[in-house]
Amino acid sequence: MNKYKKGFTPEQAALIALNLDTYKTLDYADQKMMDGEYSFGHNVCLTGELLNEARDILNALIEETCLAHEYDQNNSNKINCLEIYSTYYDEQFNHEFDPQKTQLTKASLAKWFDEAGKTDISKKFKDPEKVITINHFKQAYTAEHSSLIAVGLQNYNSINSAKDYSESQEIEICNAQREVERGGEFTPFDIDERLKDDSINIAIKLKEALIDEIKLACEWNDFENNAHDYAGIGINPNNFTPNSITDIVIYREEINENKQTNYNSTLITKESVATWLWNNGQTQYAVNVLPNIEKILLERSVIESKNKYTWGNLTQVSNKNKSAKTIRTPEYSIIDSLGIMAYLLSLKSSQYNVSKKPNASQIKEAVQRVIDENDLDNNDENKLMISNLNKDINLAFKQLDGRLIKK
């Protein structure tokens, strides 16, 4: 199909609908099938069923074209969506209206097939979606945009637009090849090589995986926001703790009219997407999203290492005191001790107690208040990393496995 054409006759539309447009006419296709030339040099292999379906579409379009013309002439009630692009009157028959040579607009044909439930056919009559590049200066993307950028398709604003362009490109390539086979000249046109591999399918899978991660990130946000309320009415918030963690960070949660999270429109931070990809072994995809992600992760690990003590024979040099200091208590005992100290604190104050267990969220908030009130976090090179303290307290308490109190 010539993508620059705006109108088609009913026969042309029927042929295009079933990928038979290289046969030019249905009679020609019939003859080719009778001659045994089923597919050579053409899009599809001819069958009787296929040709019958094409004639059914042709007859329906001729009838609908007559109705569209009647509406145009009499301004009567419009009963179909077809629009006439150019009307043909046969001079040999007193200028009678000829529906078979009248052209219908490409846009109305697309709508007509849509209304018939043939969305796969309607796409053949739609121009490829205008390519709109993704804004690389944004700090947050949707799951779909993140996936497109990761696989190198950042010049497309949606997966569907990449699909449409890919299909249009394949048609152009086939048409160009057939023209050369017929002895014509090759007409050069732009080809996006990135669409020739499996990048679109990979983007689809990445988007699906990111949607799952967004759901998990939202669960953590809900848990952290509601933990205090649960504790206030005597419900253990730990019962609602999500089963796993995620690197994905919500930048802005989008809510639909039913007050439910729209995961497809929710924005996630660019850095967290790159981190998630890197930690899952997709380093090139991570770099595509954020070119300096390796440097960011290295700097982050240095900061975290300065806020941790290593175990056994390993030592850490304090940022304030360069002399080596060794932690002599085994790591598993340190974790147990954290759970015990949280339990002792819960016995001293009901604020830090929920269902006879430590209220990890309240303890974390109290620690954060002490840090803020005493300006303990004013050194960028020695940050106190307590964003996951509540999770670590819960883990420490669970690690005691019933040894502290009877459950």
Foldseek 3Di string as FASTA:
>chain_A
DPLPDFWDAQQCLLCLLLQNVVLVGLVSQVVCVVVVNQQVLGDGGDDPVSSVSSVVSSVVQLVLLVLQVVCVVVVDDRDAQWDWPAWAFDPVPVRHTDRRPTIIGLQSSLVRCVVVVNNVSSLSSDDQDDFAADDLPDQWDALLCLLCLLLPNRRHPGLSSLVSVLVVLVVLVSVQVSCVVVVHDRDDDDDDVSSVDCSSVSSVVSSVVVLVLLVLQVLQVVLLVCLLVCQVVQHHSVVSRDPDHALWHWPAFDADPVRDTDRRGTITGLLSSLVRCVVVVSNSSSCSSPVCSVVVVVLVVQQVVQQDADADPDWDQHPVHRDTDYDDDGPLVVLLVLLVVQLVVCVVDVSQDHPSGGSLSSVLVVVVVVCVVVVVQVDPSHGNPCPCRSVSNVVSNCVCVCVVHHD
